[in-house]
Amino acid sequence: MTFATRTSGMRALARRILGAAFALTLCLFIAPAQAADPIKIGFSMALTGGVAPNGKQMLIALEIWRDDVNAKGGLLGRQVELVYYDDQSNPANVPGIYQKLLKVDNVDLLIGPYATNMVAPAMPVIMGQKKTTIGLLALGINQHFKYPQYFSMVPAGPDGIKSFSEGFFKIASEQKPKPKTVAIVSADAEFAKTAAGGAKANAEKYGFKVVYDQSYPPPTQSFGPIIRAVKAADPDIVFVASYPPDTVGIVRAIHEIDYKPKMLGGTMIGLLVTPLRAQLGPLMNGITIMESFTPAPTFNFPGLQAVLAEYGKRAQGQKIDPFGYGFVPFAYAAGQILAEAVTQTKGVDNAKIANYIRSHEFDTVAGKIKFGKDGEWAQSRMVFSQFQNVEPNNLMQFKDTKHLPVVWPEKYATGKFIYPYADAVK
């Protein structure tokens, strides 16, 4: 072998070694970059303030969903990352948060926010960026915006805002003798005012005369004067649309003045929260409330129990609802819907995702979900339940429907309605 031949061979070997080293180095740089490129899903959440007891449940549910997805390899081979900020239950904070999520954090997808009051101010920002979102338990949002990339994770159905009071007035209309007059009390905020509007429409539909219709400012703490004014109007039935803090004040005021209309209840969001139920105890007996989810056997959908069991573990020590029936299934289901749409459209194109969601039915832990007009559920699944024989200081009594049976509609009923209200209070 000549010197030239040896030199040429050594150069070829050197090139191969350098090429292999370069390829290895390139892999070392590329692999971390790919691993650090998750699908980012953004939202604001009420983690402090008036609706934080519900917002914290939603966050845990979304974290469980994220962990379940990532344990299976993520979406499109990428891990899922949740990017969120506390909106402090304050609608004024929401637009800025969504601007940051979309323009600074550059999230790929959106969920939420939670609650009507927070979803409404987020919509102009979301629409401006042509993003898709699945709102969490917001009422009647798209009746204003008509945005084709908005979907509602609340089982209101095609009647929208009316479904939040339909059962209440239907039950009242079937009593003998039929009550004739109604008082409507609501917080002066987006959700409560919308629910109250639906209540007025249903009052007219079922032939009730509205003799009192007033709202109160959210900071209200003393509800005695309000309830006395209602009592003075002498309605047969009383419909209330309230948030967690004011729900407690209203229930206590009703008992302080010993007020007993023939029927009492409504969309009293505070009574969906188990710790508040335990706090109020027997004071809730006879109150009839709207529920969007319940531990009735007919709501035991595939996969639900595993999610609720994991939620129960993570909720320990956080001073929030230990069961999560009213909120956890919907947040987890929102993640399931988004995951299926991303997988089937093979990307994070928001318009394609919206088209897929609009045209398909989904199997979720919250049941089968298909969206119809304005992104609302194609069919309503609202129920009304009545507190009965509630015991003091017993949180575990709300693990099933024994003390809060579903009384409407009949296909979901787990108990009989007690009328008048005074008989259920005994």
Protein backbone atom coordinates (compact mmCIF):
# COMPACT_ATOMS: atom_id res chain seq x y z
CA MET A 1 0.00 0.00 0.00
CA THR A 2 1.38 3.39 -0.98
CA PHE A 3 1.61 6.44 1.24
CA ALA A 4 -1.01 8.20 -0.92
CA THR A 5 -3.43 5.28 -0.54
CA ARG A 6 -2.96 5.24 3.28
CA THR A 7 -3.48 9.00 3.43
CA SER A 8 -6.67 8.79 1.33
CA GLY A 9 -8.04 6.00 3.54
CA MET A 10 -7.27 7.93 6.72
CA ARG A 11 -9.01 10.99 5.32
CA ALA A 12 -12.10 8.95 4.42
CA LEU A 13 -12.13 7.41 7.90
CA ALA A 14 -11.78 10.85 9.44
CA ARG A 15 -14.70 12.13 7.37
CA ARG A 16 -16.86 9.23 8.52
CA ILE A 17 -15.92 9.83 12.14
CA LEU A 18 -16.60 13.55 11.83
CA GLY A 19 -19.90 12.85 10.05
CA ALA A 20 -20.99 10.46 12.76
CA ALA A 21 -19.96 12.94 15.45
CA PHE A 22 -21.88 15.71 13.69
CA ALA A 23 -24.98 13.51 13.38
CA LEU A 24 -24.78 12.57 17.05
CA THR A 25 -24.35 16.20 18.04
CA LEU A 26 -27.29 17.20 15.85
CA CYS A 27 -29.46 14.55 17.48
CA LEU A 28 -28.50 15.79 20.91
CA PHE A 29 -29.65 19.28 19.97
CA ILE A 30 -32.78 18.27 18.06
CA ALA A 31 -34.14 15.69 20.52
CA PRO A 32 -34.45 18.11 23.47
CA ALA A 33 -36.04 20.69 21.18
CA GLN A 34 -38.69 18.22 20.08
CA ALA A 35 -39.24 16.97 23.62
CA ALA A 36 -39.68 20.55 24.81
CA ASP A 37 -42.29 21.34 22.14
CA PRO A 38 -45.58 20.41 23.81
CA ILE A 39 -49.09 21.26 22.69
CA LYS A 40 -49.95 24.22 24.89
CA ILE A 41 -53.56 24.64 26.03
CA GLY A 42 -54.39 27.97 27.65
CA PHE A 43 -57.16 29.25 29.90
CA SER A 44 -57.95 31.53 32.78
CA MET A 45 -59.47 30.00 35.91
CA ALA A 46 -61.11 31.39 39.03
CA LEU A 47 -58.69 30.21 41.72
CA THR A 48 -59.45 33.03 44.14
CA GLY A 49 -62.56 35.15 44.64
CA GLY A 50 -66.27 34.31 44.73
CA VAL A 51 -66.38 31.31 42.37
CA ALA A 52 -62.98 29.86 43.28
CA PRO A 53 -64.54 26.83 45.06
CA ASN A 54 -65.78 25.74 41.63
CA GLY A 55 -62.78 26.93 39.63
CA LYS A 56 -60.39 24.85 41.73
CA GLN A 57 -62.41 21.74 40.94
CA MET A 58 -62.19 22.52 37.23
CA LEU A 59 -58.43 22.95 37.41
CA ILE A 60 -57.92 19.60 39.11
CA ALA A 61 -60.12 17.93 36.49
CA LEU A 62 -58.09 19.43 33.65
CA GLU A 63 -54.85 18.38 35.33
CA ILE A 64 -56.15 14.81 35.63
CA TRP A 65 -57.08 14.85 31.95
CA ARG A 66 -53.64 16.21 31.01
CA ASP A 67 -51.89 13.53 33.04
CA ASP A 68 -54.05 10.78 31.52
CA VAL A 69 -53.31 12.00 27.99
CA ASN A 70 -49.58 12.36 28.61
CA ALA A 71 -49.38 8.92 30.18
CA LYS A 72 -50.63 7.56 26.85
CA GLY A 73 -48.05 9.45 24.81
CA GLY A 74 -49.69 12.85 24.53
CA LEU A 75 -51.42 14.24 21.46
CA LEU A 76 -49.85 13.73 18.02
CA GLY A 77 -46.78 12.40 19.81
CA ARG A 78 -46.39 15.63 21.80
CA GLN A 79 -46.96 16.12 25.52
CA VAL A 80 -49.81 18.38 26.63
CA GLU A 81 -49.00 21.45 28.73
CA LEU A 82 -51.62 23.55 30.54
CA VAL A 83 -50.91 27.28 30.63
CA TYR A 84 -53.26 29.14 32.96
CA TYR A 85 -53.66 32.20 35.17
CA ASP A 86 -55.93 33.06 38.07
CA ASP A 87 -58.60 35.53 36.93
CA GLN A 88 -59.58 36.06 40.59
CA SER A 89 -63.30 35.63 39.70
CA ASN A 90 -63.05 39.10 38.19
CA PRO A 91 -64.30 39.60 34.60
CA ALA A 92 -62.06 42.68 34.19
CA ASN A 93 -58.97 40.46 34.42
CA VAL A 94 -59.98 38.07 31.67
CA PRO A 95 -59.28 39.98 28.41
CA GLY A 96 -55.70 40.72 29.45
CA ILE A 97 -55.11 37.09 30.39
CA TYR A 98 -56.31 35.86 27.01
CA GLN A 99 -54.22 38.45 25.20
CA LYS A 100 -51.20 37.14 27.09
CA LEU A 101 -52.05 33.51 26.41
CA LEU A 102 -52.39 34.09 22.68
CA LYS A 103 -49.72 36.70 21.98
CA VAL A 104 -47.03 36.06 24.62
CA ASP A 105 -47.43 32.41 25.61
CA ASN A 106 -48.44 31.47 22.05
CA VAL A 107 -50.74 28.69 23.20
CA ASP A 108 -51.95 26.32 20.50
CA LEU A 109 -55.45 25.73 21.85
CA LEU A 110 -57.93 27.16 24.34
CA ILE A 111 -60.39 25.82 26.90
CA GLY A 112 -62.72 27.97 28.98
CA PRO A 113 -62.73 30.21 30.79
CA TYR A 114 -65.06 29.07 33.56
CA ALA A 115 -68.34 30.86 34.33
CA THR A 116 -70.55 33.12 32.25
CA ASN A 117 -69.10 36.29 33.77
CA MET A 118 -65.61 35.34 32.63
CA VAL A 119 -66.38 33.78 29.24
CA ALA A 120 -68.25 36.86 27.98
CA PRO A 121 -65.27 39.29 28.22
CA ALA A 122 -62.91 36.66 26.79
CA MET A 123 -64.91 36.24 23.60
CA PRO A 124 -63.83 39.40 21.72
CA VAL A 125 -60.18 38.44 22.21
CA ILE A 126 -60.78 34.83 21.17
CA MET A 127 -62.77 35.89 18.14
CA GLY A 128 -60.17 38.44 17.12
CA GLN A 129 -57.54 35.70 16.96
CA LYS A 130 -59.95 33.23 15.29
CA LYS A 131 -59.39 30.65 18.00
CA THR A 132 -61.69 27.83 19.06
CA THR A 133 -62.71 27.40 22.69
CA ILE A 134 -64.93 25.16 24.81
CA GLY A 135 -66.46 27.36 27.52
CA LEU A 136 -66.86 25.80 30.95
CA LEU A 137 -70.40 26.06 32.34
CA ALA A 138 -71.22 29.43 30.79
CA LEU A 139 -74.83 30.31 30.09
CA GLY A 140 -76.15 31.67 26.79
CA ILE A 141 -72.87 33.19 25.61
CA ASN A 142 -73.33 32.66 21.90
CA GLN A 143 -76.78 34.20 21.76
CA HIS A 144 -74.81 37.46 21.72
CA PHE A 145 -71.72 36.57 19.66
CA LYS A 146 -72.92 33.91 17.17
CA TYR A 147 -69.31 32.73 16.89
CA PRO A 148 -68.98 29.37 15.04
CA GLN A 149 -65.83 28.37 16.93
CA TYR A 150 -67.39 28.53 20.41
CA PHE A 151 -68.79 25.47 22.19
CA SER A 152 -70.53 25.26 25.55
CA MET A 153 -69.78 22.65 28.17
CA VAL A 154 -73.16 23.00 29.87
CA PRO A 155 -76.16 20.74 29.10
CA ALA A 156 -78.59 23.58 28.36
CA GLY A 157 -79.71 22.27 25.00
CA PRO A 158 -81.46 24.18 22.21
CA ASP A 159 -83.62 26.23 24.62
CA GLY A 160 -80.47 27.76 26.08
CA ILE A 161 -81.12 30.07 28.99
CA LYS A 162 -84.66 28.80 29.51
CA SER A 163 -83.38 25.35 30.49
CA PHE A 164 -81.96 26.77 33.72
CA SER A 165 -85.49 27.34 35.02
CA GLU A 166 -87.73 25.15 32.82
CA GLY A 167 -87.99 22.34 35.35
CA PHE A 168 -88.69 24.71 38.23
CA PHE A 169 -91.73 26.23 36.54
CA LYS A 170 -92.86 22.92 35.07
CA ILE A 171 -92.93 21.37 38.56
CA ALA A 172 -94.77 24.40 39.97
CA SER A 173 -97.36 24.30 37.19
CA GLU A 174 -98.26 20.70 38.03
CA GLN A 175 -99.13 21.35 41.69
CA LYS A 176 -102.77 21.34 42.83
CA PRO A 177 -104.01 23.93 43.30
CA LYS A 178 -101.58 25.55 40.90
CA PRO A 179 -99.65 28.53 42.36
CA LYS A 180 -100.23 31.77 40.45
CA THR A 181 -97.53 34.32 41.28
CA VAL A 182 -93.73 34.38 41.33
CA ALA A 183 -90.90 36.56 42.66
CA ILE A 184 -87.58 36.55 40.81
CA VAL A 185 -84.42 37.55 42.70
CA SER A 186 -81.03 37.68 41.00
CA ALA A 187 -77.50 38.98 41.39
CA ASP A 188 -76.66 41.91 39.11
CA ALA A 189 -74.07 39.97 37.10
CA GLU A 190 -73.96 38.20 33.72
CA PHE A 191 -74.91 34.64 34.67
CA ALA A 192 -77.59 35.51 37.21
CA LYS A 193 -79.22 38.13 34.97
CA THR A 194 -79.27 35.69 32.06
CA ALA A 195 -80.83 32.96 34.22
CA ALA A 196 -83.39 35.45 35.53
CA GLY A 197 -84.28 36.39 31.95
CA GLY A 198 -84.95 32.75 31.18
CA ALA A 199 -87.04 32.48 34.35
CA LYS A 200 -89.25 35.39 33.25
CA ALA A 201 -89.79 33.71 29.89
CA ASN A 202 -90.75 30.43 31.56
CA ALA A 203 -93.01 32.21 34.06
CA GLU A 204 -94.96 33.60 31.11
CA LYS A 205 -94.93 30.24 29.32
CA TYR A 206 -96.45 28.44 32.30
CA GLY A 207 -98.93 31.16 33.19
CA PHE A 208 -97.36 32.77 36.28
CA LYS A 209 -97.64 36.45 37.12
CA VAL A 210 -94.35 38.09 38.12
CA VAL A 211 -95.08 40.23 41.21
CA TYR A 212 -91.44 40.94 42.15
CA ASP A 213 -88.38 41.15 39.89
CA GLN A 214 -85.28 42.73 41.41
CA SER A 215 -81.53 42.26 41.31
CA TYR A 216 -78.92 43.05 43.95
CA PRO A 217 -75.27 44.14 43.53
CA PRO A 218 -72.70 41.33 43.93
CA PRO A 219 -71.03 42.88 47.04
CA THR A 220 -74.33 42.59 48.97
CA GLN A 221 -73.82 40.93 52.36
CA SER A 222 -77.10 41.64 54.18
CA PHE A 223 -80.03 39.89 52.51
CA GLY A 224 -82.65 40.44 55.22
CA PRO A 225 -84.08 43.58 53.56
CA ILE A 226 -84.25 41.82 50.17
CA ILE A 227 -86.11 38.80 51.53
CA ARG A 228 -88.50 41.03 53.50
CA ALA A 229 -89.29 42.89 50.29
CA VAL A 230 -89.98 39.58 48.56
CA LYS A 231 -92.21 38.47 51.41
CA ALA A 232 -94.13 41.75 51.24
CA ALA A 233 -94.90 41.09 47.57
CA ASP A 234 -96.53 37.84 48.71
CA PRO A 235 -95.60 35.58 45.77
CA ASP A 236 -96.64 31.93 45.74
CA ILE A 237 -93.21 30.79 44.54
CA VAL A 238 -89.72 32.33 44.61
CA PHE A 239 -87.01 31.82 41.97
CA VAL A 240 -83.44 32.82 42.92
CA ALA A 241 -80.37 33.14 40.66
CA SER A 242 -77.31 33.55 42.90
CA TYR A 243 -73.59 32.89 43.28
CA PRO A 244 -71.91 30.93 46.13
CA PRO A 245 -71.38 33.77 48.66
CA ASP A 246 -74.83 35.31 48.24
CA THR A 247 -76.57 31.91 48.16
CA VAL A 248 -75.51 31.36 51.77
CA GLY A 249 -76.73 34.84 52.79
CA ILE A 250 -80.09 34.35 51.07
CA VAL A 251 -80.76 30.94 52.63
CA ARG A 252 -79.89 32.23 56.09
CA ALA A 253 -82.06 35.34 55.65
CA ILE A 254 -85.05 33.22 54.61
CA HIS A 255 -84.84 31.29 57.87
CA GLU A 256 -84.10 34.32 60.01
CA ILE A 257 -87.42 35.90 59.04
CA ASP A 258 -89.20 32.51 58.92
CA TYR A 259 -90.34 32.97 55.33
CA LYS A 260 -92.20 30.04 53.74
CA PRO A 261 -93.48 30.54 50.19
CA LYS A 262 -95.15 27.57 48.54
CA MET A 263 -92.01 26.79 46.51
CA LEU A 264 -88.44 28.08 46.72
CA GLY A 265 -85.28 27.54 44.69
CA GLY A 266 -83.77 28.21 41.28
CA THR A 267 -80.21 28.45 39.94
CA MET A 268 -78.53 28.84 43.33
CA ILE A 269 -74.95 28.01 42.33
CA GLY A 270 -73.69 27.94 45.92
CA LEU A 271 -75.88 24.91 46.61
CA LEU A 272 -73.91 22.90 44.06
CA VAL A 273 -70.86 23.08 46.34
CA THR A 274 -70.75 20.25 48.88
CA PRO A 275 -68.91 22.13 51.69
CA LEU A 276 -71.56 24.88 51.52
CA ARG A 277 -74.26 22.21 51.65
CA ALA A 278 -72.67 20.75 54.77
CA GLN A 279 -72.42 24.25 56.26
CA LEU A 280 -76.10 25.08 55.70
CA GLY A 281 -77.43 21.62 56.54
CA PRO A 282 -81.17 21.46 57.32
CA LEU A 283 -81.63 25.12 56.30
CA MET A 284 -81.70 23.82 52.71
CA ASN A 285 -84.61 21.41 53.20
CA GLY A 286 -87.36 22.05 50.66
CA ILE A 287 -85.22 24.14 48.30
CA THR A 288 -85.43 22.99 44.66
CA ILE A 289 -82.34 23.63 42.55
CA MET A 290 -81.09 23.21 39.02
CA GLU A 291 -78.30 20.65 38.63
CA SER A 292 -76.28 19.88 35.53
CA PHE A 293 -74.79 16.69 36.96
CA THR A 294 -75.80 14.41 39.80
CA PRO A 295 -74.70 11.11 41.39
CA ALA A 296 -77.92 9.48 40.15
CA PRO A 297 -77.41 5.99 38.65
CA THR A 298 -78.47 7.29 35.22
CA PHE A 299 -75.44 9.63 35.22
CA ASN A 300 -72.84 6.92 35.83
CA PHE A 301 -71.15 7.17 32.42
CA PRO A 302 -68.13 5.05 31.32
CA GLY A 303 -64.87 6.26 32.82
CA LEU A 304 -66.55 8.66 35.25
CA GLN A 305 -65.82 6.79 38.48
CA ALA A 306 -62.08 6.58 37.79
CA VAL A 307 -61.91 10.33 37.21
CA LEU A 308 -63.94 11.13 40.32
CA ALA A 309 -61.80 8.75 42.41
CA GLU A 310 -58.61 10.49 41.28
CA TYR A 311 -60.22 13.88 41.88
CA GLY A 312 -61.10 12.81 45.42
CA LYS A 313 -57.44 12.02 46.12
CA ARG A 314 -56.17 15.33 44.73
CA ALA A 315 -58.87 17.40 46.42
CA GLN A 316 -57.89 16.24 49.90
CA GLY A 317 -56.61 19.08 52.05
CA GLN A 318 -57.63 21.79 49.58
CA LYS A 319 -60.86 22.75 51.39
CA ILE A 320 -62.96 22.25 48.28
CA ASP A 321 -65.77 19.93 47.26
CA PRO A 322 -64.62 16.34 47.96
CA PHE A 323 -66.90 14.81 45.31
CA GLY A 324 -66.82 17.23 42.35
CA TYR A 325 -70.04 15.99 40.76
CA GLY A 326 -71.23 19.34 39.46
CA PHE A 327 -68.00 20.51 37.80
CA VAL A 328 -65.32 17.84 37.37
CA PRO A 329 -67.08 15.74 34.68
CA PHE A 330 -67.56 18.77 32.41
CA ALA A 331 -63.98 20.02 32.60
CA TYR A 332 -62.57 16.54 31.97
CA ALA A 333 -65.03 16.01 29.11
CA ALA A 334 -63.96 19.31 27.52
CA GLY A 335 -60.43 17.92 27.40
CA GLN A 336 -61.66 14.65 25.89
CA ILE A 337 -63.53 16.50 23.14
CA LEU A 338 -60.54 18.67 22.33
CA ALA A 339 -58.20 15.66 22.31
CA GLU A 340 -60.39 13.72 19.87
CA ALA A 341 -60.68 16.73 17.56
CA VAL A 342 -56.90 17.26 17.54
CA THR A 343 -56.24 13.58 16.91
CA GLN A 344 -58.77 13.21 14.11
CA THR A 345 -57.80 16.44 12.34
CA LYS A 346 -54.11 15.58 12.83
CA GLY A 347 -53.13 19.05 13.97
CA VAL A 348 -53.94 22.18 15.94
CA ASP A 349 -55.67 24.13 13.18
CA ASN A 350 -58.43 25.84 15.18
CA ALA A 351 -60.87 26.13 12.27
CA LYS A 352 -60.56 22.43 11.42
CA ILE A 353 -60.96 21.53 15.09
CA ALA A 354 -64.15 23.62 15.32
CA ASN A 355 -65.57 21.96 12.20
CA TYR A 356 -64.87 18.53 13.66
CA ILE A 357 -66.44 19.34 17.02
CA ARG A 358 -69.52 20.79 15.37
CA SER A 359 -70.10 17.70 13.20
CA HIS A 360 -69.45 14.80 15.59
CA GLU A 361 -70.90 13.19 18.70
CA PHE A 362 -68.50 12.51 21.58
CA ASP A 363 -68.41 9.79 24.23
CA THR A 364 -67.17 11.40 27.44
CA VAL A 365 -67.21 10.90 31.19
CA ALA A 366 -70.09 13.40 31.19
CA GLY A 367 -72.06 11.23 28.78
CA LYS A 368 -72.69 11.48 25.05
CA ILE A 369 -72.34 15.05 23.82
CA LYS A 370 -73.34 16.49 20.47
CA PHE A 371 -73.37 20.20 19.77
CA GLY A 372 -76.10 22.07 17.97
CA LYS A 373 -77.01 25.68 17.32
CA ASP A 374 -74.66 28.34 18.71
CA GLY A 375 -72.35 25.64 20.05
CA GLU A 376 -74.84 24.60 22.72
CA TRP A 377 -75.72 20.96 23.39
CA ALA A 378 -78.12 19.53 20.83
CA GLN A 379 -80.25 18.13 23.68
CA SER A 380 -80.84 19.46 27.18
CA ARG A 381 -79.93 17.32 30.17
CA MET A 382 -80.71 19.72 32.99
CA VAL A 383 -82.36 18.27 36.08
CA PHE A 384 -84.02 19.74 39.16
CA SER A 385 -83.45 18.26 42.60
CA GLN A 386 -84.94 19.01 46.02
CA PHE A 387 -83.18 18.95 49.39
CA GLN A 388 -85.03 16.56 51.69
CA ASN A 389 -84.37 15.42 55.27
CA VAL A 390 -80.89 16.95 55.28
CA GLU A 391 -78.95 16.35 58.49
CA PRO A 392 -76.67 18.87 60.22
CA ASN A 393 -72.88 18.69 59.80
CA ASN A 394 -72.88 15.64 57.55
CA LEU A 395 -70.89 16.13 54.37
CA MET A 396 -71.03 12.46 53.33
CA GLN A 397 -74.82 12.49 53.03
CA PHE A 398 -74.39 14.17 49.62
CA LYS A 399 -72.35 11.34 48.12
CA ASP A 400 -75.59 10.00 46.62
CA THR A 401 -79.09 11.39 45.92
CA LYS A 402 -80.82 10.21 49.12
CA HIS A 403 -81.02 13.72 50.58
CA LEU A 404 -81.08 15.53 47.24
CA PRO A 405 -83.24 13.40 44.95
CA VAL A 406 -83.79 14.33 41.33
CA VAL A 407 -87.47 15.29 41.01
CA TRP A 408 -87.55 16.38 37.33
CA PRO A 409 -87.60 15.18 34.61
CA GLU A 410 -89.24 11.85 35.28
CA LYS A 411 -86.67 9.80 33.31
CA TYR A 412 -83.91 10.85 35.73
CA ALA A 413 -86.03 11.07 38.91
CA THR A 414 -84.77 9.37 42.07
CA GLY A 415 -87.46 10.72 44.43
CA LYS A 416 -90.78 12.54 44.76
CA PHE A 417 -91.24 16.31 44.99
CA ILE A 418 -92.51 17.61 48.33
CA TYR A 419 -95.03 20.48 48.12
CA PRO A 420 -95.55 22.97 49.61
CA TYR A 421 -92.12 24.11 50.75
CA ALA A 422 -93.28 24.28 54.39
CA ASP A 423 -93.90 20.52 54.42
CA ALA A 424 -90.33 19.81 53.33
CA VAL A 425 -88.89 22.20 55.93
CA LYS A 426 -90.45 20.22 58.82
